[in-house]
N, C-alpha and C. Protein backbone atom coordinates (compact mmCIF):
# COMPACT_ATOMS: atom_id res chain seq x y z
N MET A 1 112.14 77.56 87.96
CA MET A 1 112.69 76.90 89.26
C MET A 1 114.36 77.66 89.27
N PRO A 2 114.76 78.34 90.18
CA PRO A 2 116.37 78.86 90.65
C PRO A 2 117.16 77.93 90.28
N ILE A 3 118.22 78.18 89.92
CA ILE A 3 119.34 77.10 89.59
C ILE A 3 120.18 76.83 91.03
N SER A 4 120.00 75.61 91.50
CA SER A 4 120.97 75.73 92.52
C SER A 4 122.09 74.90 92.66
N GLU A 5 122.32 74.39 91.07
CA GLU A 5 123.27 73.30 91.36
C GLU A 5 123.85 73.44 89.87
N ILE A 6 125.44 73.77 89.42
CA ILE A 6 125.76 74.25 87.98
C ILE A 6 126.86 73.10 88.01
N ARG A 7 127.55 72.26 87.63
CA ARG A 7 128.61 71.01 87.37
C ARG A 7 129.16 70.91 88.41
N GLY A 8 128.17 70.55 89.55
CA GLY A 8 128.37 70.06 90.98
C GLY A 8 129.00 71.16 92.34
N VAL A 9 128.40 72.58 91.69
CA VAL A 9 128.69 73.13 92.73
C VAL A 9 127.45 73.78 93.05
N LYS A 10 127.18 73.39 94.49
CA LYS A 10 125.92 73.80 95.00
C LYS A 10 125.71 75.47 95.81
N PHE A 11 125.20 75.89 95.08
CA PHE A 11 125.40 77.44 94.97
C PHE A 11 124.27 78.22 96.59
N ASN A 12 123.38 76.68 97.05
CA ASN A 12 122.95 77.63 98.17
C ASN A 12 123.60 76.90 99.40
N SER A 13 124.49 76.75 98.96
CA SER A 13 125.60 76.35 100.17
C SER A 13 126.32 77.58 100.59
N PHE A 14 126.25 78.75 99.54
CA PHE A 14 127.04 79.99 99.54
C PHE A 14 126.03 81.07 100.27
N GLN A 15 126.59 81.36 101.34
CA GLN A 15 125.47 82.54 102.24
C GLN A 15 126.18 84.12 101.70
N THR A 16 126.87 84.09 100.99
CA THR A 16 127.64 85.41 100.71
C THR A 16 128.85 85.19 99.12
N ILE A 17 128.85 86.55 98.94
CA ILE A 17 129.71 86.50 97.73
C ILE A 17 130.75 86.26 98.29
N PRO A 18 131.70 86.94 99.30
CA PRO A 18 133.20 86.42 99.59
C PRO A 18 133.00 85.03 99.67
N GLU A 19 132.02 84.50 100.24
CA GLU A 19 132.23 82.56 100.22
C GLU A 19 132.33 82.32 98.90
N LEU A 20 131.72 82.82 97.67
CA LEU A 20 131.77 82.11 96.93
C LEU A 20 132.58 82.50 96.07
N ILE A 21 133.65 83.58 96.36
CA ILE A 21 134.75 84.35 95.62
C ILE A 21 135.79 83.25 96.10
N THR A 22 136.08 83.04 97.39
CA THR A 22 136.73 82.44 98.09
C THR A 22 136.80 80.84 97.60
N TYR A 23 135.81 80.14 97.31
CA TYR A 23 135.53 78.91 96.87
C TYR A 23 135.73 78.65 95.51
N ALA A 24 135.76 79.89 94.55
CA ALA A 24 136.39 79.78 93.31
C ALA A 24 137.94 79.57 93.09
N CYS A 25 138.55 80.92 93.99
CA CYS A 25 139.58 81.01 94.34
C CYS A 25 140.40 79.86 94.32
N GLY A 26 139.87 79.05 95.29
CA GLY A 26 140.56 78.00 95.70
C GLY A 26 140.32 76.82 94.87
N LYS A 27 139.02 76.39 94.21
CA LYS A 27 138.57 75.29 93.08
C LYS A 27 139.31 76.04 91.63
N TYR A 28 139.45 76.96 91.76
CA TYR A 28 139.99 77.30 89.99
C TYR A 28 140.83 78.75 90.21
N PRO A 29 141.56 78.44 90.98
CA PRO A 29 143.00 79.65 90.91
C PRO A 29 143.26 79.95 89.73
N ASP A 30 143.48 79.54 88.71
CA ASP A 30 144.17 79.98 87.63
C ASP A 30 143.06 80.80 86.37
N ARG A 31 141.98 79.79 86.87
CA ARG A 31 140.93 80.06 85.55
C ARG A 31 140.75 81.32 85.47
N THR A 32 140.30 81.71 84.35
CA THR A 32 140.00 83.56 84.18
C THR A 32 138.58 83.59 84.51
N ALA A 33 137.95 85.30 85.47
CA ALA A 33 137.08 85.38 86.41
C ALA A 33 136.75 86.25 85.58
N VAL A 34 137.80 87.20 84.84
CA VAL A 34 136.77 88.68 84.16
C VAL A 34 137.81 88.68 83.20
N SER A 35 137.14 89.03 81.88
CA SER A 35 138.15 90.00 80.76
C SER A 35 137.58 90.74 80.47
N TYR A 36 138.43 91.76 79.80
CA TYR A 36 138.41 93.43 79.82
C TYR A 36 139.64 93.75 78.83
N TYR A 37 138.90 94.62 77.94
CA TYR A 37 139.56 95.21 77.03
C TYR A 37 140.34 96.28 77.75
N ALA A 38 142.12 96.39 77.43
CA ALA A 38 142.64 97.83 78.09
C ALA A 38 143.00 98.32 76.89
N ASP A 39 142.70 99.86 77.19
CA ASP A 39 142.56 100.60 76.07
C ASP A 39 141.73 100.26 74.35
N ASN A 40 140.87 99.55 74.64
CA ASN A 40 139.99 99.05 73.57
C ASN A 40 140.91 98.07 72.80
N VAL A 41 141.79 97.52 73.11
CA VAL A 41 142.83 96.73 71.93
C VAL A 41 142.88 95.54 73.02
N THR A 42 143.68 95.77 73.64
CA THR A 42 144.37 94.20 74.67
C THR A 42 143.11 93.79 75.45
N ILE A 43 143.25 92.47 75.42
CA ILE A 43 142.48 91.96 76.17
C ILE A 43 143.37 91.52 77.62
N ILE A 44 142.63 91.97 78.61
CA ILE A 44 143.35 91.60 79.98
C ILE A 44 142.31 90.11 80.46
N ASN A 45 142.67 89.22 80.92
CA ASN A 45 142.92 88.60 82.05
C ASN A 45 142.95 88.10 83.36
N LYS A 46 141.69 88.53 84.38
CA LYS A 46 142.05 88.41 85.35
C LYS A 46 141.81 86.80 86.06
N SER A 47 142.53 86.06 86.95
CA SER A 47 142.07 84.91 87.19
C SER A 47 141.07 85.20 88.94
N TYR A 48 140.59 83.93 88.82
CA TYR A 48 140.36 84.15 90.31
C TYR A 48 140.92 84.72 91.41
N THR A 49 142.34 83.91 91.16
CA THR A 49 142.62 84.48 92.26
C THR A 49 143.73 86.03 92.24
N ASP A 50 143.58 86.45 90.89
CA ASP A 50 143.55 87.90 90.81
C ASP A 50 142.54 88.41 91.56
N LEU A 51 141.17 88.50 91.04
CA LEU A 51 140.33 88.58 91.91
C LEU A 51 139.96 88.95 93.17
N HIS A 52 140.49 87.74 93.95
CA HIS A 52 140.51 87.38 95.34
C HIS A 52 141.35 88.37 95.73
N LYS A 53 142.72 88.32 95.48
CA LYS A 53 143.46 89.59 95.89
C LYS A 53 143.26 90.82 95.97
N ASP A 54 142.71 91.34 94.52
CA ASP A 54 142.67 92.79 94.36
C ASP A 54 141.19 93.10 95.43
N VAL A 55 139.78 92.37 95.53
CA VAL A 55 139.28 92.77 96.19
C VAL A 55 139.39 92.47 98.13
N MET A 56 140.27 91.75 98.21
CA MET A 56 140.75 91.65 99.82
C MET A 56 141.89 93.18 100.11
N HIS A 57 142.46 92.90 99.20
CA HIS A 57 143.23 94.47 98.99
C HIS A 57 142.39 95.96 99.49
N ILE A 58 141.41 96.13 98.83
CA ILE A 58 140.35 97.17 98.83
C ILE A 58 139.40 97.33 100.05
N ALA A 59 139.20 96.12 100.40
CA ALA A 59 138.14 95.10 101.65
C ALA A 59 139.07 95.83 103.02
N GLU A 60 140.09 95.63 103.01
CA GLU A 60 140.70 95.69 104.00
C GLU A 60 141.38 97.34 104.12
N TYR A 61 141.58 97.80 103.02
CA TYR A 61 141.62 99.47 103.13
C TYR A 61 140.12 100.07 103.73
N LEU A 62 139.07 99.50 103.09
CA LEU A 62 137.79 99.91 103.52
C LEU A 62 137.78 99.24 104.90
N ARG A 63 138.37 98.52 105.66
CA ARG A 63 138.12 98.21 107.00
C ARG A 63 139.14 99.46 107.65
N SER A 64 140.13 99.43 107.44
CA SER A 64 141.08 100.40 108.16
C SER A 64 140.37 101.50 108.08
N GLN A 65 139.35 102.37 107.25
CA GLN A 65 139.02 103.07 107.27
C GLN A 65 137.99 103.58 108.14
N CYS A 66 137.44 102.30 108.73
CA CYS A 66 136.31 102.25 109.64
C CYS A 66 134.88 102.82 108.54
N VAL A 67 134.78 102.37 107.34
CA VAL A 67 133.70 102.52 107.09
C VAL A 67 132.29 101.81 106.84
N ALA A 68 132.99 100.33 107.57
CA ALA A 68 132.06 99.32 107.35
C ALA A 68 131.81 98.97 108.91
N PRO A 69 130.32 98.69 109.06
CA PRO A 69 128.76 98.53 108.49
C PRO A 69 128.44 99.67 108.19
N GLY A 70 127.90 99.92 106.96
CA GLY A 70 127.26 101.41 106.53
C GLY A 70 127.02 101.15 105.29
N ARG A 71 126.55 102.26 104.76
CA ARG A 71 126.86 102.39 103.27
C ARG A 71 128.19 102.97 102.19
N ILE A 72 128.24 102.87 101.25
CA ILE A 72 129.08 103.10 100.60
C ILE A 72 128.58 103.61 98.88
N CYS A 73 128.82 104.86 98.46
CA CYS A 73 127.87 104.98 97.05
C CYS A 73 129.40 104.25 96.21
N LEU A 74 128.52 103.82 95.55
CA LEU A 74 129.93 103.51 94.00
C LEU A 74 129.51 104.51 92.60
N LEU A 75 130.23 105.01 92.35
CA LEU A 75 129.55 105.99 91.31
C LEU A 75 130.71 105.73 89.93
N GLY A 76 130.83 104.92 88.42
CA GLY A 76 131.54 104.89 88.43
C GLY A 76 131.21 104.35 86.53
N GLU A 77 131.86 103.77 85.93
CA GLU A 77 131.66 103.22 84.44
C GLU A 77 132.01 101.56 84.91
N CYS A 78 131.18 101.14 83.97
CA CYS A 78 131.50 99.27 84.10
C CYS A 78 132.79 99.27 84.03
N SER A 79 134.20 98.68 84.96
CA SER A 79 135.45 98.27 84.44
C SER A 79 136.11 97.20 85.38
N TYR A 80 136.72 96.25 85.60
CA TYR A 80 137.51 95.69 86.30
C TYR A 80 137.61 96.14 87.40
N GLU A 81 137.61 97.23 87.80
CA GLU A 81 138.08 98.07 88.86
C GLU A 81 136.56 98.23 89.53
N TRP A 82 135.62 98.78 88.99
CA TRP A 82 134.40 98.92 89.24
C TRP A 82 133.68 97.43 89.89
N ILE A 83 134.02 96.37 89.63
CA ILE A 83 133.88 95.16 89.91
C ILE A 83 134.50 94.59 91.35
N VAL A 84 135.88 95.16 91.34
CA VAL A 84 136.59 94.99 92.45
C VAL A 84 136.01 95.48 93.71
N SER A 85 135.45 97.05 93.20
CA SER A 85 134.79 97.66 94.57
C SER A 85 133.74 97.48 95.02
N PHE A 86 132.80 96.85 93.63
CA PHE A 86 131.74 96.03 94.67
C PHE A 86 131.45 94.93 95.45
N TYR A 87 132.92 94.22 95.17
CA TYR A 87 133.13 93.10 96.02
C TYR A 87 133.75 92.97 96.94
N ALA A 88 134.43 94.34 97.10
CA ALA A 88 135.22 94.61 98.25
C ALA A 88 134.53 95.56 98.94
N ILE A 89 133.29 96.09 99.02
CA ILE A 89 132.23 96.84 99.74
C ILE A 89 131.51 95.90 100.57
N SER A 90 130.90 94.88 99.71
CA SER A 90 130.48 93.53 100.35
C SER A 90 131.44 92.68 101.37
N TRP A 91 132.81 92.96 100.88
CA TRP A 91 133.42 92.07 101.66
C TRP A 91 133.97 92.67 103.20
N ALA A 92 133.95 93.87 102.96
CA ALA A 92 134.05 94.89 104.12
C ALA A 92 133.06 95.06 104.99
N GLY A 93 131.62 94.38 104.74
CA GLY A 93 130.75 94.47 105.70
C GLY A 93 129.93 95.52 105.26
N ALA A 94 130.15 96.53 104.49
CA ALA A 94 129.39 97.19 104.40
C ALA A 94 128.33 97.44 102.85
N THR A 95 127.70 98.02 102.81
CA THR A 95 126.68 97.88 101.50
C THR A 95 126.67 98.75 100.49
N PRO A 96 126.78 98.33 99.26
CA PRO A 96 126.94 98.98 98.13
C PRO A 96 125.62 99.59 97.63
N VAL A 97 126.12 100.78 97.43
CA VAL A 97 124.99 102.27 96.59
C VAL A 97 125.31 102.25 95.43
N LEU A 98 124.57 101.48 94.50
CA LEU A 98 125.00 101.82 93.02
C LEU A 98 124.58 103.09 92.61
N ILE A 99 125.32 104.06 91.61
CA ILE A 99 124.64 105.28 91.29
C ILE A 99 125.20 105.36 89.77
N ASP A 100 124.26 105.79 88.67
CA ASP A 100 124.62 105.77 87.19
C ASP A 100 125.56 107.34 87.05
N CYS A 101 126.37 107.05 86.90
CA CYS A 101 127.44 107.93 86.50
C CYS A 101 126.71 109.14 85.66
N GLU A 102 125.62 108.95 84.66
CA GLU A 102 125.45 109.25 84.10
C GLU A 102 123.83 110.33 84.17
N LEU A 103 123.75 110.31 85.75
CA LEU A 103 122.99 111.21 86.50
C LEU A 103 123.15 112.83 86.14
N PRO A 104 122.41 113.66 86.12
CA PRO A 104 122.73 114.83 86.72
C PRO A 104 123.73 115.00 87.99
N ASP A 105 124.31 116.10 88.08
CA ASP A 105 125.16 116.09 88.63
C ASP A 105 124.03 116.28 90.99
N GLU A 106 123.04 117.14 90.14
CA GLU A 106 122.02 117.20 91.62
C GLU A 106 121.52 116.07 92.19
N ASP A 107 121.13 115.50 91.18
CA ASP A 107 120.26 113.51 91.56
C ASP A 107 121.50 112.87 92.05
N ILE A 108 122.62 113.05 91.67
CA ILE A 108 123.89 112.37 92.28
C ILE A 108 123.98 112.24 93.82
N CYS A 109 123.99 113.47 93.78
CA CYS A 109 124.23 114.53 95.42
C CYS A 109 123.13 114.20 96.14
N ALA A 110 121.98 114.14 95.36
CA ALA A 110 120.71 114.05 96.41
C ALA A 110 120.63 112.36 96.88
N LEU A 111 121.32 111.51 95.86
CA LEU A 111 121.02 110.28 96.29
C LEU A 111 121.79 109.77 97.47
N ILE A 112 123.43 110.50 97.30
CA ILE A 112 124.03 110.30 98.48
C ILE A 112 123.99 110.82 99.59
N ASN A 113 123.00 111.67 99.43
CA ASN A 113 122.79 112.47 100.92
C ASN A 113 121.18 111.52 101.61
N GLU A 114 120.47 111.22 100.41
CA GLU A 114 119.43 110.64 101.01
C GLU A 114 119.57 109.21 101.20
N VAL A 115 120.53 108.22 101.03
CA VAL A 115 121.48 106.97 101.28
C VAL A 115 121.95 107.26 102.85
N GLY A 116 122.36 108.48 103.28
CA GLY A 116 123.54 108.53 104.20
C GLY A 116 124.66 107.87 103.95
N ALA A 117 125.36 108.25 103.02
CA ALA A 117 126.81 107.21 102.53
C ALA A 117 127.47 107.98 103.37
N GLN A 118 128.53 106.85 103.69
CA GLN A 118 129.58 106.92 104.48
C GLN A 118 130.95 107.23 103.92
N CYS A 119 130.70 107.13 102.91
CA CYS A 119 131.99 107.57 101.37
C CYS A 119 131.06 107.19 100.07
N VAL A 120 131.90 107.54 99.21
CA VAL A 120 131.86 107.31 97.84
C VAL A 120 133.09 106.88 97.06
N MET A 121 132.70 105.74 96.38
CA MET A 121 133.99 105.54 95.42
C MET A 121 133.94 105.67 94.44
N LEU A 122 134.90 106.56 93.74
CA LEU A 122 134.52 107.12 92.49
C LEU A 122 136.07 106.19 91.55
N ASP A 123 135.23 106.00 90.08
CA ASP A 123 136.34 105.37 89.22
C ASP A 123 137.37 106.52 88.26
N LYS A 124 136.90 107.96 88.55
CA LYS A 124 137.86 108.76 87.56
C LYS A 124 138.00 109.92 87.74
N ALA A 125 139.00 110.94 87.47
CA ALA A 125 138.69 111.99 88.19
C ALA A 125 137.82 112.88 87.67
N ASP A 126 137.36 112.47 86.45
CA ASP A 126 136.05 113.31 85.68
C ASP A 126 134.96 113.16 86.64
N ASN A 127 134.55 112.24 87.34
CA ASN A 127 133.97 112.33 88.36
C ASN A 127 133.84 112.57 89.52
N HIS A 128 134.90 112.33 90.32
CA HIS A 128 135.42 113.41 91.38
C HIS A 128 135.12 115.01 91.16
N LYS A 129 135.56 115.57 90.09
CA LYS A 129 135.53 116.98 89.53
C LYS A 129 133.67 117.28 89.86
N LYS A 130 133.15 116.32 88.98
CA LYS A 130 131.68 116.50 88.83
C LYS A 130 130.96 116.19 90.18
N LEU A 131 131.35 115.42 91.37
CA LEU A 131 130.59 115.57 92.43
C LEU A 131 131.14 116.53 93.25
N THR A 132 132.64 116.85 93.42
CA THR A 132 133.21 118.09 94.47
C THR A 132 132.20 119.46 93.81
N GLY A 133 132.29 119.43 92.33
CA GLY A 133 131.59 120.76 92.13
C GLY A 133 130.56 120.81 92.53
N SER A 134 129.53 120.12 92.48
CA SER A 134 127.74 119.93 93.06
C SER A 134 127.97 120.07 94.24
N LEU A 135 128.51 119.13 95.25
CA LEU A 135 128.32 119.26 96.29
C LEU A 135 128.69 120.58 97.26
N SER A 136 130.11 121.41 96.59
CA SER A 136 130.25 122.87 97.12
C SER A 136 129.18 123.83 96.61
N GLU A 137 127.95 123.20 95.69
CA GLU A 137 127.30 124.11 95.24
C GLU A 137 126.56 124.34 96.05
N ASN A 138 125.99 123.15 96.63
CA ASN A 138 124.78 122.69 97.64
C ASN A 138 125.11 122.84 98.83
C-alpha cells in the first residue's frame, strides 16, 4: 500500500514536485533539506529555503532561455547542484532526461539526439569537453 501521509502531511494533495518543495519551504524553512560533503571534509547543510531559492533561480534562467516545455538532458555526478538542476528543470516546465555520465561518449550523444533534447546541463568542465569532443566527431 502506498504511503499517502507521513506526520500529518498528505502527499496525495501535491500534484507536482514544485508544490511539494514550496510546501516544505513554507512549513520547515530552516530545516535541513539536503546535506553533503564539500571537498570530502566539511558537511554543508542546505535548508528548504536554500533549496527553494536555488531551484527557483535556475528555473527562472531556464524559462528566460525559452527551453521549456521540452526535454533537457542532465549529465553529471550526484551533487547538490544535480539535485537543484533536476528540480529546476521540472519547475521550468521541461522534462528532465537523466543520463549516466559514465556511459561511453558515443552513447551519451546518441541518447541526447534520440530524445530530441533542447539543451544539456553539465556538472563540470570534464563532461563538457567529453561531450563537445564527441559531438564534433559525429
